[in-house]
Amino acid sequence: MVLSVLSALAEPTRLEAIRLLKDGTEHCVCELMQKLDATQSRMSRHMQVLKRAGLVCDRRDAQWVRYRLNPDLQPEIRAILDAVFDAAQAQERKAA
């Protein structure tokens, strides 16, 4: 499981999608597409990778699919996410 999580997070668009979902709310694919400048097919493929890795859950709402961070993530996986985002923030601060 850890390997699939790290592999899923290695792609910048997926990492940014998880960053958006960390706010705890649901986001529709159209919103993620707009914020991440991705096509619908590309965004859907990325979200499927995140779903297979167990990082996100989805819910169909009429013609929309809404995603959220998986609320049942194991503590070890949450710790990985926190470490990845802490490292990214530290790198951004150094670059600024």
N, C-alpha and C. Protein backbone atom coordinates (compact mmCIF):
# COMPACT_ATOMS: atom_id res chain seq x y z
N MET A 1 0.82 -1.20 0.00
CA MET A 1 0.00 0.00 0.00
C MET A 1 0.86 1.26 0.00
N VAL A 2 1.92 1.30 0.81
CA VAL A 2 2.77 2.48 0.88
C VAL A 2 3.38 2.78 -0.48
N LEU A 3 3.81 1.75 -1.19
CA LEU A 3 4.41 1.96 -2.50
C LEU A 3 3.42 2.56 -3.48
N SER A 4 2.17 2.08 -3.47
CA SER A 4 1.16 2.64 -4.38
C SER A 4 0.84 4.09 -4.02
N VAL A 5 0.86 4.42 -2.74
CA VAL A 5 0.62 5.80 -2.30
C VAL A 5 1.75 6.71 -2.78
N LEU A 6 2.99 6.28 -2.56
CA LEU A 6 4.12 7.10 -2.99
C LEU A 6 4.15 7.25 -4.51
N SER A 7 3.84 6.19 -5.20
CA SER A 7 3.79 6.24 -6.66
C SER A 7 2.71 7.22 -7.12
N ALA A 8 1.55 7.18 -6.49
CA ALA A 8 0.46 8.08 -6.85
C ALA A 8 0.83 9.53 -6.60
N LEU A 9 1.54 9.78 -5.52
CA LEU A 9 1.90 11.15 -5.15
C LEU A 9 3.09 11.69 -5.95
N ALA A 10 3.78 10.82 -6.67
CA ALA A 10 4.97 11.23 -7.42
C ALA A 10 4.65 12.11 -8.62
N GLU A 11 3.43 12.09 -9.08
CA GLU A 11 3.04 12.87 -10.26
C GLU A 11 2.51 14.23 -9.79
N PRO A 12 3.04 15.34 -10.32
CA PRO A 12 2.68 16.68 -9.81
C PRO A 12 1.18 17.01 -9.83
N THR A 13 0.46 16.62 -10.86
CA THR A 13 -0.97 16.93 -10.91
C THR A 13 -1.72 16.19 -9.80
N ARG A 14 -1.36 14.94 -9.58
CA ARG A 14 -2.02 14.18 -8.51
C ARG A 14 -1.67 14.74 -7.14
N LEU A 15 -0.43 15.15 -6.97
CA LEU A 15 -0.03 15.75 -5.70
C LEU A 15 -0.81 17.03 -5.43
N GLU A 16 -0.98 17.85 -6.45
CA GLU A 16 -1.75 19.07 -6.30
C GLU A 16 -3.23 18.78 -6.05
N ALA A 17 -3.76 17.73 -6.67
CA ALA A 17 -5.16 17.35 -6.41
C ALA A 17 -5.33 16.97 -4.94
N ILE A 18 -4.40 16.21 -4.40
CA ILE A 18 -4.48 15.83 -2.98
C ILE A 18 -4.36 17.08 -2.12
N ARG A 19 -3.50 18.00 -2.50
CA ARG A 19 -3.37 19.25 -1.73
C ARG A 19 -4.72 19.98 -1.68
N LEU A 20 -5.42 20.03 -2.80
CA LEU A 20 -6.74 20.68 -2.82
C LEU A 20 -7.75 19.92 -1.96
N LEU A 21 -7.69 18.60 -1.99
CA LEU A 21 -8.65 17.79 -1.25
C LEU A 21 -8.37 17.77 0.26
N LYS A 22 -7.18 18.18 0.65
CA LYS A 22 -6.84 18.19 2.08
C LYS A 22 -7.70 19.16 2.88
N ASP A 23 -8.46 20.02 2.20
CA ASP A 23 -9.31 20.96 2.94
C ASP A 23 -10.52 20.26 3.57
N GLY A 24 -10.71 18.97 3.26
CA GLY A 24 -11.77 18.19 3.90
C GLY A 24 -13.11 18.25 3.21
N THR A 25 -13.23 19.01 2.13
CA THR A 25 -14.52 19.09 1.43
C THR A 25 -14.46 18.30 0.14
N GLU A 26 -15.62 18.11 -0.46
CA GLU A 26 -15.71 17.45 -1.75
C GLU A 26 -15.43 18.46 -2.86
N HIS A 27 -14.79 17.97 -3.89
CA HIS A 27 -14.51 18.79 -5.07
C HIS A 27 -14.93 18.01 -6.30
N CYS A 28 -15.66 18.67 -7.20
CA CYS A 28 -16.06 17.99 -8.43
C CYS A 28 -14.89 17.99 -9.41
N VAL A 29 -14.92 17.06 -10.33
CA VAL A 29 -13.87 16.94 -11.33
C VAL A 29 -13.71 18.26 -12.08
N CYS A 30 -14.83 18.92 -12.40
CA CYS A 30 -14.74 20.17 -13.16
C CYS A 30 -13.94 21.22 -12.40
N GLU A 31 -14.09 21.28 -11.09
CA GLU A 31 -13.34 22.23 -10.27
C GLU A 31 -11.85 21.88 -10.27
N LEU A 32 -11.55 20.59 -10.11
CA LEU A 32 -10.16 20.16 -10.13
C LEU A 32 -9.52 20.43 -11.49
N MET A 33 -10.28 20.18 -12.55
CA MET A 33 -9.78 20.45 -13.91
C MET A 33 -9.39 21.91 -14.05
N GLN A 34 -10.25 22.79 -13.60
CA GLN A 34 -10.01 24.22 -13.73
C GLN A 34 -8.80 24.66 -12.92
N LYS A 35 -8.74 24.23 -11.67
CA LYS A 35 -7.66 24.67 -10.79
C LYS A 35 -6.31 24.08 -11.19
N LEU A 36 -6.34 22.89 -11.80
CA LEU A 36 -5.09 22.23 -12.15
C LEU A 36 -4.78 22.29 -13.64
N ASP A 37 -5.62 23.02 -14.38
CA ASP A 37 -5.42 23.19 -15.82
C ASP A 37 -5.24 21.84 -16.52
N ALA A 38 -6.22 20.96 -16.32
CA ALA A 38 -6.16 19.62 -16.90
C ALA A 38 -7.45 19.34 -17.66
N THR A 39 -7.35 18.51 -18.68
CA THR A 39 -8.53 18.10 -19.41
C THR A 39 -9.35 17.12 -18.57
N GLN A 40 -10.59 16.91 -18.97
CA GLN A 40 -11.46 16.01 -18.22
C GLN A 40 -10.90 14.59 -18.22
N SER A 41 -10.45 14.11 -19.36
CA SER A 41 -9.95 12.73 -19.42
C SER A 41 -8.67 12.58 -18.59
N ARG A 42 -7.79 13.56 -18.67
CA ARG A 42 -6.55 13.50 -17.90
C ARG A 42 -6.84 13.55 -16.40
N MET A 43 -7.74 14.44 -15.99
CA MET A 43 -8.07 14.55 -14.57
C MET A 43 -8.72 13.27 -14.06
N SER A 44 -9.61 12.70 -14.86
CA SER A 44 -10.27 11.45 -14.45
C SER A 44 -9.26 10.32 -14.29
N ARG A 45 -8.30 10.25 -15.18
CA ARG A 45 -7.25 9.20 -15.06
C ARG A 45 -6.45 9.41 -13.78
N HIS A 46 -6.07 10.65 -13.51
CA HIS A 46 -5.31 10.93 -12.29
C HIS A 46 -6.12 10.56 -11.05
N MET A 47 -7.39 10.89 -11.05
CA MET A 47 -8.21 10.60 -9.88
C MET A 47 -8.40 9.09 -9.69
N GLN A 48 -8.44 8.34 -10.78
CA GLN A 48 -8.54 6.88 -10.66
C GLN A 48 -7.27 6.31 -10.02
N VAL A 49 -6.12 6.85 -10.37
CA VAL A 49 -4.87 6.40 -9.73
C VAL A 49 -4.92 6.67 -8.23
N LEU A 50 -5.38 7.87 -7.86
CA LEU A 50 -5.49 8.21 -6.44
C LEU A 50 -6.51 7.33 -5.73
N LYS A 51 -7.58 7.01 -6.43
CA LYS A 51 -8.61 6.14 -5.84
C LYS A 51 -8.07 4.72 -5.64
N ARG A 52 -7.37 4.19 -6.64
CA ARG A 52 -6.80 2.84 -6.52
C ARG A 52 -5.77 2.78 -5.39
N ALA A 53 -5.08 3.88 -5.16
CA ALA A 53 -4.09 3.93 -4.07
C ALA A 53 -4.76 4.08 -2.71
N GLY A 54 -6.09 4.29 -2.71
CA GLY A 54 -6.83 4.40 -1.46
C GLY A 54 -6.80 5.80 -0.86
N LEU A 55 -6.33 6.78 -1.61
CA LEU A 55 -6.20 8.14 -1.08
C LEU A 55 -7.48 8.95 -1.17
N VAL A 56 -8.34 8.65 -2.13
CA VAL A 56 -9.56 9.42 -2.30
C VAL A 56 -10.78 8.52 -2.41
N CYS A 57 -11.93 9.11 -2.13
CA CYS A 57 -13.23 8.47 -2.33
C CYS A 57 -14.00 9.32 -3.32
N ASP A 58 -14.90 8.69 -4.05
CA ASP A 58 -15.71 9.47 -4.98
C ASP A 58 -17.18 9.22 -4.73
N ARG A 59 -17.98 10.17 -5.22
CA ARG A 59 -19.43 10.07 -5.10
C ARG A 59 -20.02 10.69 -6.36
N ARG A 60 -20.91 9.93 -6.98
CA ARG A 60 -21.58 10.44 -8.18
C ARG A 60 -22.75 11.31 -7.74
N ASP A 61 -22.85 12.48 -8.37
CA ASP A 61 -23.91 13.44 -8.09
C ASP A 61 -24.47 13.88 -9.44
N ALA A 62 -25.51 13.17 -9.89
CA ALA A 62 -26.07 13.39 -11.24
C ALA A 62 -24.96 13.15 -12.25
N GLN A 63 -24.63 14.16 -13.08
CA GLN A 63 -23.60 13.96 -14.08
C GLN A 63 -22.19 14.24 -13.54
N TRP A 64 -22.06 14.71 -12.32
CA TRP A 64 -20.78 15.06 -11.74
C TRP A 64 -20.24 13.94 -10.86
N VAL A 65 -18.93 13.89 -10.78
CA VAL A 65 -18.27 13.00 -9.82
C VAL A 65 -17.53 13.90 -8.85
N ARG A 66 -17.78 13.69 -7.58
CA ARG A 66 -17.15 14.51 -6.54
C ARG A 66 -16.16 13.64 -5.77
N TYR A 67 -15.00 14.22 -5.49
CA TYR A 67 -13.94 13.52 -4.80
C TYR A 67 -13.64 14.18 -3.47
N ARG A 68 -13.18 13.37 -2.54
CA ARG A 68 -12.72 13.88 -1.25
C ARG A 68 -11.60 12.98 -0.76
N LEU A 69 -10.81 13.49 0.13
CA LEU A 69 -9.76 12.68 0.73
C LEU A 69 -10.42 11.54 1.49
N ASN A 70 -9.87 10.36 1.38
CA ASN A 70 -10.44 9.19 2.06
C ASN A 70 -10.41 9.43 3.58
N PRO A 71 -11.57 9.45 4.24
CA PRO A 71 -11.59 9.71 5.68
C PRO A 71 -11.06 8.54 6.50
N ASP A 72 -10.93 7.38 5.87
CA ASP A 72 -10.48 6.18 6.58
C ASP A 72 -9.01 5.86 6.33
N LEU A 73 -8.22 6.87 5.98
CA LEU A 73 -6.80 6.63 5.75
C LEU A 73 -6.14 6.13 7.02
N GLN A 74 -5.25 5.17 6.85
CA GLN A 74 -4.50 4.66 7.99
C GLN A 74 -3.58 5.76 8.51
N PRO A 75 -3.30 5.76 9.81
CA PRO A 75 -2.43 6.81 10.38
C PRO A 75 -1.07 6.90 9.68
N GLU A 76 -0.53 5.75 9.25
CA GLU A 76 0.76 5.76 8.58
C GLU A 76 0.68 6.50 7.24
N ILE A 77 -0.44 6.34 6.54
CA ILE A 77 -0.62 7.01 5.25
C ILE A 77 -0.83 8.51 5.47
N ARG A 78 -1.59 8.87 6.49
CA ARG A 78 -1.75 10.29 6.83
C ARG A 78 -0.39 10.91 7.17
N ALA A 79 0.45 10.15 7.87
CA ALA A 79 1.78 10.66 8.22
C ALA A 79 2.62 10.87 6.96
N ILE A 80 2.48 9.99 5.97
CA ILE A 80 3.19 10.17 4.70
C ILE A 80 2.71 11.45 4.02
N LEU A 81 1.39 11.64 3.95
CA LEU A 81 0.85 12.86 3.33
C LEU A 81 1.36 14.10 4.04
N ASP A 82 1.32 14.09 5.36
CA ASP A 82 1.79 15.25 6.13
C ASP A 82 3.26 15.52 5.85
N ALA A 83 4.08 14.46 5.80
CA ALA A 83 5.52 14.62 5.55
C ALA A 83 5.77 15.18 4.15
N VAL A 84 5.03 14.69 3.17
CA VAL A 84 5.20 15.17 1.79
C VAL A 84 4.85 16.65 1.71
N PHE A 85 3.75 17.06 2.31
CA PHE A 85 3.34 18.46 2.24
C PHE A 85 4.22 19.36 3.09
N ASP A 86 4.70 18.87 4.21
CA ASP A 86 5.64 19.65 5.02
C ASP A 86 6.93 19.90 4.24
N ALA A 87 7.42 18.86 3.56
CA ALA A 87 8.64 18.99 2.76
C ALA A 87 8.42 19.97 1.60
N ALA A 88 7.27 19.90 0.97
CA ALA A 88 6.96 20.80 -0.15
C ALA A 88 6.91 22.25 0.34
N GLN A 89 6.29 22.47 1.50
CA GLN A 89 6.22 23.83 2.04
C GLN A 89 7.60 24.36 2.40
N ALA A 90 8.44 23.51 2.97
CA ALA A 90 9.80 23.92 3.32
C ALA A 90 10.57 24.29 2.05
N GLN A 91 10.40 23.52 1.00
CA GLN A 91 11.08 23.80 -0.26
C GLN A 91 10.58 25.11 -0.87
N GLU A 92 9.27 25.36 -0.77
CA GLU A 92 8.71 26.61 -1.30
C GLU A 92 9.25 27.82 -0.52
N ARG A 93 9.39 27.67 0.79
CA ARG A 93 9.91 28.77 1.59
C ARG A 93 11.37 29.07 1.23
N LYS A 94 12.14 28.02 0.96
CA LYS A 94 13.54 28.22 0.57
C LYS A 94 13.63 28.94 -0.77
N ALA A 95 12.72 28.61 -1.67
CA ALA A 95 12.75 29.19 -3.01
C ALA A 95 12.31 30.65 -3.00
N ALA A 96 11.55 31.04 -1.99
CA ALA A 96 11.01 32.42 -1.94
C ALA A 96 11.97 33.43 -1.43
